[in-house]
Amino acid sequence: MPTSRFSFPLFVIRDIFIAVSIFALSASLLASSTDEMPVGDTATEGLNTKRVTILSYNIQQLGYPNWAGNHFEKERLELIPQTLLALEKRPSVLIFQEAFTTHAFDFLVSELSEHYPHHTLVAAENCEDPAWTSVSANCEMDTVKSNSGVLIFSQWPIEEQHAYVYDAVRISKSFDFMAQKGVVYAKIRVGTEQPSHIHVFGTHLQATAKDHDIRMLQVSEMREFINGFGIPAEEPVILGGDFNVSSIQQSRLDDLLAGANVALRFETQGVGSSSDATNGYRQLLSGSEAKPRPEKTLDYVFYRTDHLRPVSQPELRVINLKSKAAWTGARLFNPDVELFDLSDHYPVAMDFVFPDQSI
C-alpha cells in the first residue's frame, strides 16, 4: 500500500501527542494557581499607589467668654496649628469641627497656610460668598444661630467647595443645636502630570446622646447630598468628622456605618477620641466631682464602599495629642489652669493607600 507524503511515523505522532498533553496540563495548572493567589499585602507589591492621610479634629472653639465655661479658646487655639504641624506623619487633609468663631477661622488660615495653602469656608458661614461652588438647603446668616463650625484644609488644590445645612435638628440641652450643622465638601485634585481626585466630606452631627434618631436623619441627608454629585465610582469618597456616635454602642455604630454606606476598622482598646481618663481639659470641664466615663470614640474617618477602595483595609488612629508647652489660663475664684490638652476631643486619622491607576 503506497504511503502518502503527508504521513508521519507512529513514534513522531506519539511524541507530538505527549508534548501537547503536557502543555495543556501545565496551562491548566498555571491558570488554577493564578486564580487562587491570596489577596493581601503581597498582592499589591509592585502596584503604583498614592497615599492620602486624612485627619479630623473637633477643636472646641465655641466663642464663650472664659467666665461662662472656662473654655480658654484663645489659649488652646494658639497651640493647635503648631502641634498638628509637628506630627511625625503630617496629614494631607485636615477636617475641623467647632471652628465657630471668626477669630478661630482667621488664625487657622494664617498659621496653616504655608503647609495647607488650600481651604474651604466654614459651612453655613457667608452663604452668599462666591468662593462657594454651591450651597444647598437652609443656609442663611442667623443672628441667633452660629455657623456649622466645619471646614477643610488641604495640601493639594481644592477645585470645588460645596456646603449643605441639615434640615433635621432637635432642641436639646447641648449648645450645638444652636449651630447650623451640616456638611462641607472639598473636591481635591491630587498630582500634576496625571491629576486625579479625592472627594472629602466633613461633618458634625447632633451631639446629645438621646438624639440618635436625629443623627441618623442627618446621615440620610448627607448620603443624598453626596449621591447628588454623581461622583465616578472609580474615585474615592471619604467622610470625616465628629459623628457623636459612641464606639462602645455597637448597634448605633452599625446604624451609622449602614446609613452612610461606609467601612471602618479600628482597635477598641486604648485611648478613645473622648477620654475622661487621659484628657486633663475634659476633666476640667467635667469638674472634680464627676465620675469618669469609659473610653469611647465619637470621631471617625470613613470611606464609601461603593467608590474606589484602598488596596488594604486602613485602621482608624486616635492621636493622643498634647502640646509640647503647657497653656495657662486664669479663673475667677478658682486656681489658675496649666494644661497640655488642646480640646475636649483627640483628633483621629486614617492612612489610605489607593491604586494610582484609578485615583
Protein backbone atom coordinates (compact mmCIF):
# COMPACT_ATOMS: atom_id res chain seq x y z
CA MET A 1 0.00 0.00 0.00
CA PRO A 2 1.58 3.31 -1.05
CA THR A 3 2.47 5.85 1.70
CA SER A 4 1.20 9.44 1.48
CA ARG A 5 3.84 12.14 1.54
CA PHE A 6 1.86 13.71 4.44
CA SER A 7 2.03 10.62 6.66
CA PHE A 8 4.24 10.55 9.80
CA PRO A 9 5.83 7.59 11.55
CA LEU A 10 3.89 6.41 14.61
CA PHE A 11 6.61 7.40 17.10
CA VAL A 12 6.52 11.01 15.84
CA ILE A 13 2.74 11.17 16.30
CA ARG A 14 3.14 9.72 19.82
CA ASP A 15 5.75 12.35 20.79
CA ILE A 16 3.59 15.20 19.48
CA PHE A 17 0.59 13.89 21.45
CA ILE A 18 2.63 13.70 24.66
CA ALA A 19 4.03 17.22 24.18
CA VAL A 20 0.59 18.73 23.55
CA SER A 21 -0.83 16.96 26.63
CA ILE A 22 1.96 18.25 28.87
CA PHE A 23 1.47 21.80 27.56
CA ALA A 24 -2.29 21.67 28.15
CA LEU A 25 -1.85 20.31 31.67
CA SER A 26 0.75 22.98 32.54
CA ALA A 27 -1.52 25.77 31.25
CA SER A 28 -4.40 24.42 33.34
CA LEU A 29 -2.29 24.28 36.48
CA LEU A 30 -0.98 27.81 35.89
CA ALA A 31 -4.49 29.19 35.44
CA SER A 32 -5.66 27.42 38.57
CA SER A 33 -2.80 28.71 40.72
CA THR A 34 -3.27 32.29 39.46
CA ASP A 35 -6.98 32.34 40.37
CA GLU A 36 -6.25 31.08 43.87
CA MET A 37 -3.45 33.54 44.73
CA PRO A 38 -4.07 35.01 48.18
CA VAL A 39 -5.10 38.66 48.22
CA GLY A 40 -3.11 40.58 50.78
CA ASP A 41 -0.14 42.89 51.11
CA THR A 42 1.95 40.71 48.80
CA ALA A 43 -0.72 41.00 46.13
CA THR A 44 -0.23 44.79 45.99
CA GLU A 45 3.55 44.69 45.65
CA GLY A 46 4.65 46.44 42.51
CA LEU A 47 1.42 48.44 42.17
CA ASN A 48 1.68 52.20 41.68
CA THR A 49 -0.13 53.75 44.62
CA LYS A 50 -0.96 57.12 46.09
CA ARG A 51 -1.03 57.69 49.83
CA VAL A 52 -3.52 60.02 51.50
CA THR A 53 -3.78 60.75 55.23
CA ILE A 54 -6.99 62.39 56.46
CA LEU A 55 -7.23 63.87 59.97
CA SER A 56 -10.43 65.01 61.70
CA TYR A 57 -10.34 67.21 64.80
CA ASN A 58 -13.03 68.83 66.95
CA ILE A 59 -11.16 71.86 68.34
CA GLN A 60 -13.98 73.26 70.56
CA GLN A 61 -13.79 76.92 69.60
CA LEU A 62 -17.23 77.87 70.87
CA GLY A 63 -16.85 81.58 71.39
CA TYR A 64 -17.99 81.52 75.00
CA PRO A 65 -16.30 84.00 77.34
CA ASN A 66 -13.97 82.24 79.75
CA TRP A 67 -16.02 83.17 82.80
CA ALA A 68 -19.06 81.35 81.34
CA GLY A 69 -17.45 77.95 80.95
CA ASN A 70 -13.69 78.11 81.39
CA HIS A 71 -13.20 77.06 77.80
CA PHE A 72 -9.98 79.04 77.24
CA GLU A 73 -10.48 79.17 73.47
CA LYS A 74 -7.69 81.65 72.78
CA GLU A 75 -5.08 79.89 74.90
CA ARG A 76 -5.75 76.50 73.35
CA LEU A 77 -6.13 77.76 69.78
CA GLU A 78 -2.70 79.38 69.81
CA LEU A 79 -1.08 75.95 70.21
CA ILE A 80 -3.25 73.82 67.89
CA PRO A 81 -1.63 74.60 64.49
CA GLN A 82 1.96 74.17 65.64
CA THR A 83 1.11 70.94 67.46
CA LEU A 84 -0.55 69.48 64.36
CA LEU A 85 2.34 70.55 62.13
CA ALA A 86 4.77 68.81 64.48
CA LEU A 87 3.11 65.40 63.95
CA GLU A 88 5.54 62.78 62.70
CA LYS A 89 3.09 61.75 59.98
CA ARG A 90 1.69 65.03 58.70
CA PRO A 91 -1.81 64.60 57.23
CA SER A 92 -2.66 65.51 53.64
CA VAL A 93 -6.09 66.88 54.58
CA LEU A 94 -7.46 68.35 57.82
CA ILE A 95 -11.17 68.41 58.71
CA PHE A 96 -12.05 70.70 61.62
CA GLN A 97 -15.23 70.90 63.67
CA GLU A 98 -16.36 73.59 66.12
CA ALA A 99 -14.39 76.39 64.44
CA PHE A 100 -17.36 78.61 65.29
CA THR A 101 -15.59 81.95 65.64
CA THR A 102 -14.16 84.29 63.03
CA HIS A 103 -11.01 84.50 65.14
CA ALA A 104 -10.55 80.71 65.02
CA PHE A 105 -11.01 80.63 61.24
CA ASP A 106 -8.62 83.53 60.60
CA PHE A 107 -5.99 82.13 62.95
CA LEU A 108 -6.08 78.65 61.43
CA VAL A 109 -5.75 80.09 57.93
CA SER A 110 -2.81 82.30 58.87
CA GLU A 111 -0.93 79.60 60.78
CA LEU A 112 -1.58 76.64 58.47
CA SER A 113 -1.43 78.31 55.04
CA GLU A 114 2.27 77.58 54.44
CA HIS A 115 1.71 73.83 54.63
CA TYR A 116 -2.02 73.76 53.80
CA PRO A 117 -2.45 76.55 51.22
CA HIS A 118 -5.97 75.45 50.23
CA HIS A 119 -9.07 75.57 52.42
CA THR A 120 -12.84 75.81 52.26
CA LEU A 121 -15.00 78.34 54.02
CA VAL A 122 -16.97 77.26 57.09
CA ALA A 123 -20.25 75.63 56.10
CA ALA A 124 -23.24 77.92 56.87
CA GLU A 125 -20.97 80.96 57.11
CA ASN A 126 -21.14 83.62 54.37
CA CYS A 127 -23.60 81.55 52.37
CA GLU A 128 -23.56 84.08 49.52
CA ASP A 129 -19.76 84.13 49.24
CA PRO A 130 -18.75 83.46 45.60
CA ALA A 131 -15.96 81.16 46.85
CA TRP A 132 -18.67 78.52 47.34
CA THR A 133 -19.28 76.43 44.24
CA SER A 134 -22.74 75.70 45.61
CA VAL A 135 -24.73 75.99 48.84
CA SER A 136 -27.69 73.69 49.49
CA ALA A 137 -30.64 73.60 51.90
CA ASN A 138 -31.37 76.25 54.52
CA CYS A 139 -28.06 78.12 54.64
CA GLU A 140 -28.56 81.68 55.79
CA MET A 141 -26.97 84.13 58.17
CA ASP A 142 -28.76 83.94 61.51
CA THR A 143 -28.46 86.41 64.37
CA VAL A 144 -29.22 83.65 66.87
CA LYS A 145 -27.66 80.52 65.40
CA SER A 146 -23.97 80.10 64.61
CA ASN A 147 -22.35 78.54 61.55
CA SER A 148 -21.63 74.80 61.36
CA GLY A 149 -18.05 75.10 62.58
CA VAL A 150 -16.90 72.66 59.86
CA LEU A 151 -14.17 73.37 57.30
CA ILE A 152 -11.42 71.56 55.39
CA PHE A 153 -7.72 72.32 54.79
CA SER A 154 -5.68 70.59 52.07
CA GLN A 155 -2.10 70.34 50.86
CA TRP A 156 -3.50 69.94 47.33
CA PRO A 157 -5.72 72.30 45.32
CA ILE A 158 -9.43 72.35 46.13
CA GLU A 159 -11.20 72.60 42.78
CA GLU A 160 -14.72 72.88 44.20
CA GLN A 161 -16.24 73.57 47.62
CA HIS A 162 -19.87 72.92 48.47
CA ALA A 163 -21.93 73.35 51.64
CA TYR A 164 -25.13 71.77 52.89
CA VAL A 165 -27.14 72.58 56.05
CA TYR A 166 -29.16 69.81 57.70
CA ASP A 167 -32.91 70.12 57.96
CA ALA A 168 -33.09 67.61 60.82
CA VAL A 169 -32.43 69.19 64.21
CA ARG A 170 -33.89 69.00 67.71
CA ILE A 171 -33.73 71.47 70.57
CA SER A 172 -31.60 69.97 73.31
CA LYS A 173 -29.64 70.86 76.42
CA SER A 174 -26.43 70.92 74.36
CA PHE A 175 -25.28 74.20 72.82
CA ASP A 176 -24.75 72.55 69.46
CA PHE A 177 -28.41 72.58 68.42
CA MET A 178 -27.85 76.34 68.01
CA ALA A 179 -25.29 75.62 65.29
CA GLN A 180 -26.36 75.23 61.67
CA LYS A 181 -24.97 71.72 61.47
CA GLY A 182 -24.19 70.45 58.02
CA VAL A 183 -21.62 69.17 55.54
CA VAL A 184 -18.71 70.76 53.70
CA TYR A 185 -17.42 69.05 50.53
CA ALA A 186 -13.99 69.60 49.01
CA LYS A 187 -13.19 68.17 45.57
CA ILE A 188 -9.41 67.88 45.79
CA ARG A 189 -7.02 67.47 42.86
CA VAL A 190 -4.08 65.16 43.60
CA GLY A 191 -0.96 65.28 41.40
CA THR A 192 0.04 67.46 38.46
CA GLU A 193 1.20 65.40 35.48
CA GLN A 194 -1.70 62.94 35.71
CA PRO A 195 -4.04 64.61 38.20
CA SER A 196 -6.80 62.67 39.89
CA HIS A 197 -9.42 63.49 42.50
CA ILE A 198 -10.40 62.61 46.04
CA HIS A 199 -13.75 63.74 47.41
CA VAL A 200 -13.70 64.71 51.09
CA PHE A 201 -16.84 65.43 53.13
CA GLY A 202 -16.60 66.86 56.64
CA THR A 203 -19.49 66.99 59.10
CA HIS A 204 -20.60 67.35 62.72
CA LEU A 205 -23.78 65.57 63.79
CA GLN A 206 -26.17 66.43 66.65
CA ALA A 207 -24.49 65.84 69.98
CA THR A 208 -26.94 64.81 72.69
CA ALA A 209 -26.86 61.07 73.40
CA LYS A 210 -30.63 60.63 73.27
CA ASP A 211 -30.83 62.19 69.78
CA HIS A 212 -29.60 59.16 67.83
CA ASP A 213 -32.69 59.32 65.60
CA ILE A 214 -31.85 62.90 64.61
CA ARG A 215 -28.27 61.92 63.82
CA MET A 216 -29.49 59.14 61.54
CA LEU A 217 -31.77 61.60 59.73
CA GLN A 218 -28.75 63.85 59.26
CA VAL A 219 -26.74 60.88 57.94
CA SER A 220 -29.50 60.20 55.44
CA GLU A 221 -29.40 63.83 54.30
CA MET A 222 -25.63 63.67 53.94
CA ARG A 223 -25.84 60.49 51.88
CA GLU A 224 -28.36 62.07 49.49
CA PHE A 225 -26.19 65.20 49.28
CA ILE A 226 -23.15 63.10 48.31
CA ASN A 227 -25.08 60.99 45.82
CA GLY A 228 -26.34 64.14 44.11
CA PHE A 229 -22.89 64.95 42.74
CA GLY A 230 -22.68 61.78 40.64
CA ILE A 231 -19.08 61.16 41.67
CA PRO A 232 -17.50 58.44 39.48
CA ALA A 233 -17.27 55.06 41.20
CA GLU A 234 -13.56 54.83 40.35
CA GLU A 235 -12.78 57.86 42.56
CA PRO A 236 -12.59 57.69 46.38
CA VAL A 237 -15.17 59.33 48.64
CA ILE A 238 -14.01 59.98 52.21
CA LEU A 239 -16.12 61.14 55.17
CA GLY A 240 -14.71 62.59 58.36
CA GLY A 241 -15.92 64.44 61.40
CA ASP A 242 -17.48 64.34 64.84
CA PHE A 243 -20.37 61.92 64.33
CA ASN A 244 -21.30 61.79 68.03
CA VAL A 245 -21.93 58.04 67.76
CA SER A 246 -20.18 56.12 70.51
CA SER A 247 -17.80 53.34 69.57
CA ILE A 248 -18.96 51.35 72.60
CA GLN A 249 -22.59 51.28 71.46
CA GLN A 250 -22.27 48.76 68.67
CA SER A 251 -25.87 48.88 67.46
CA ARG A 252 -25.69 52.65 66.99
CA LEU A 253 -22.32 52.37 65.28
CA ASP A 254 -23.78 49.76 62.94
CA ASP A 255 -26.62 52.18 62.15
CA LEU A 256 -24.08 54.83 61.22
CA LEU A 257 -21.99 52.53 59.02
CA ALA A 258 -25.04 51.24 57.16
CA GLY A 259 -26.70 54.64 56.85
CA ALA A 260 -23.61 56.35 55.47
CA ASN A 261 -22.58 53.32 53.35
CA VAL A 262 -19.06 53.35 54.78
CA ALA A 263 -16.47 50.96 56.19
CA LEU A 264 -14.47 51.22 59.42
CA ARG A 265 -11.71 49.28 61.13
CA PHE A 266 -10.15 50.34 64.42
CA GLU A 267 -8.93 48.96 67.70
CA THR A 268 -11.41 49.41 70.55
CA GLN A 269 -8.63 49.10 73.13
CA GLY A 270 -6.56 52.10 74.13
CA VAL A 271 -7.48 55.75 74.32
CA GLY A 272 -10.66 56.97 72.64
CA SER A 273 -11.20 60.34 70.99
CA SER A 274 -13.33 61.20 74.04
CA SER A 275 -11.15 60.25 77.02
CA ASP A 276 -12.02 61.26 80.56
CA ALA A 277 -9.06 59.34 81.95
CA THR A 278 -6.24 60.93 79.91
CA ASN A 279 -7.55 64.35 78.83
CA GLY A 280 -6.97 66.95 81.52
CA TYR A 281 -9.08 69.54 79.73
CA ARG A 282 -12.08 67.20 79.73
CA GLN A 283 -11.53 66.66 83.44
CA LEU A 284 -11.51 70.42 83.93
CA LEU A 285 -14.83 70.80 82.10
CA SER A 286 -16.42 67.89 83.99
CA GLY A 287 -15.35 69.10 87.43
CA SER A 288 -13.57 67.29 90.22
CA GLU A 289 -16.72 65.53 91.43
CA ALA A 290 -17.59 63.94 88.06
CA LYS A 291 -17.40 60.17 87.70
CA PRO A 292 -15.03 59.05 84.93
CA ARG A 293 -16.76 57.54 81.91
CA PRO A 294 -15.39 54.67 79.82
CA GLU A 295 -13.08 55.29 76.87
CA LYS A 296 -15.03 55.87 73.68
CA THR A 297 -14.56 57.32 70.22
CA LEU A 298 -17.04 59.78 68.73
CA ASP A 299 -14.92 60.98 65.80
CA TYR A 300 -14.25 58.99 62.65
CA VAL A 301 -12.80 58.92 59.16
CA PHE A 302 -14.58 56.56 56.74
CA TYR A 303 -14.52 55.64 53.07
CA ARG A 304 -17.60 54.94 50.96
CA THR A 305 -17.72 51.29 49.97
CA ASP A 306 -19.45 51.96 46.63
CA HIS A 307 -16.48 54.02 45.40
CA LEU A 308 -12.79 53.33 44.92
CA ARG A 309 -11.49 51.33 47.87
CA PRO A 310 -7.98 51.41 49.34
CA VAL A 311 -5.75 48.48 48.42
CA SER A 312 -5.90 47.24 52.01
CA GLN A 313 -8.25 47.96 54.91
CA PRO A 314 -6.89 51.04 56.76
CA GLU A 315 -7.22 51.43 60.51
CA LEU A 316 -8.55 54.46 62.34
CA ARG A 317 -5.94 56.02 64.65
CA VAL A 318 -6.78 58.11 67.70
CA ILE A 319 -3.94 60.60 68.26
CA ASN A 320 -3.34 61.38 71.93
CA LEU A 321 -2.41 64.94 71.03
CA LYS A 322 -0.62 67.09 73.60
CA SER A 323 1.18 70.39 73.14
CA LYS A 324 4.90 70.48 73.93
CA ALA A 325 4.40 73.55 76.08
CA ALA A 326 1.59 73.98 78.58
CA TRP A 327 -1.02 76.66 78.12
CA THR A 328 -2.18 78.59 81.17
CA GLY A 329 -5.48 80.25 81.97
CA ALA A 330 -6.78 82.38 84.82
CA ARG A 331 -10.11 81.62 86.51
CA LEU A 332 -12.29 83.67 88.81
CA PHE A 333 -12.38 82.36 92.40
CA ASN A 334 -10.51 79.18 91.34
CA PRO A 335 -6.87 78.17 90.90
CA ASP A 336 -5.33 79.01 87.54
CA VAL A 337 -5.12 76.28 84.90
CA GLU A 338 -1.99 74.78 83.35
CA LEU A 339 -2.65 72.00 80.82
CA PHE A 340 -1.24 70.34 77.70
CA ASP A 341 -4.56 69.18 76.20
CA LEU A 342 -5.89 71.38 73.39
CA SER A 343 -9.53 70.28 73.13
CA ASP A 344 -12.05 68.01 74.80
CA HIS A 345 -11.56 65.65 71.82
CA TYR A 346 -8.47 63.98 70.45
CA PRO A 347 -8.02 64.03 66.67
CA VAL A 348 -8.45 60.86 64.63
CA ALA A 349 -6.67 59.97 61.39
CA MET A 350 -6.69 57.32 58.70
CA ASP A 351 -3.90 56.47 56.24
CA PHE A 352 -5.22 55.44 52.83
CA VAL A 353 -3.30 53.73 50.03
CA PHE A 354 -5.18 53.93 46.74
CA PRO A 355 -4.23 52.37 43.40
CA ASP A 356 -2.53 55.06 41.32
CA GLN A 357 -4.06 53.97 38.03
CA SER A 358 -7.53 54.74 39.36
CA ILE A 359 -7.11 57.82 41.52
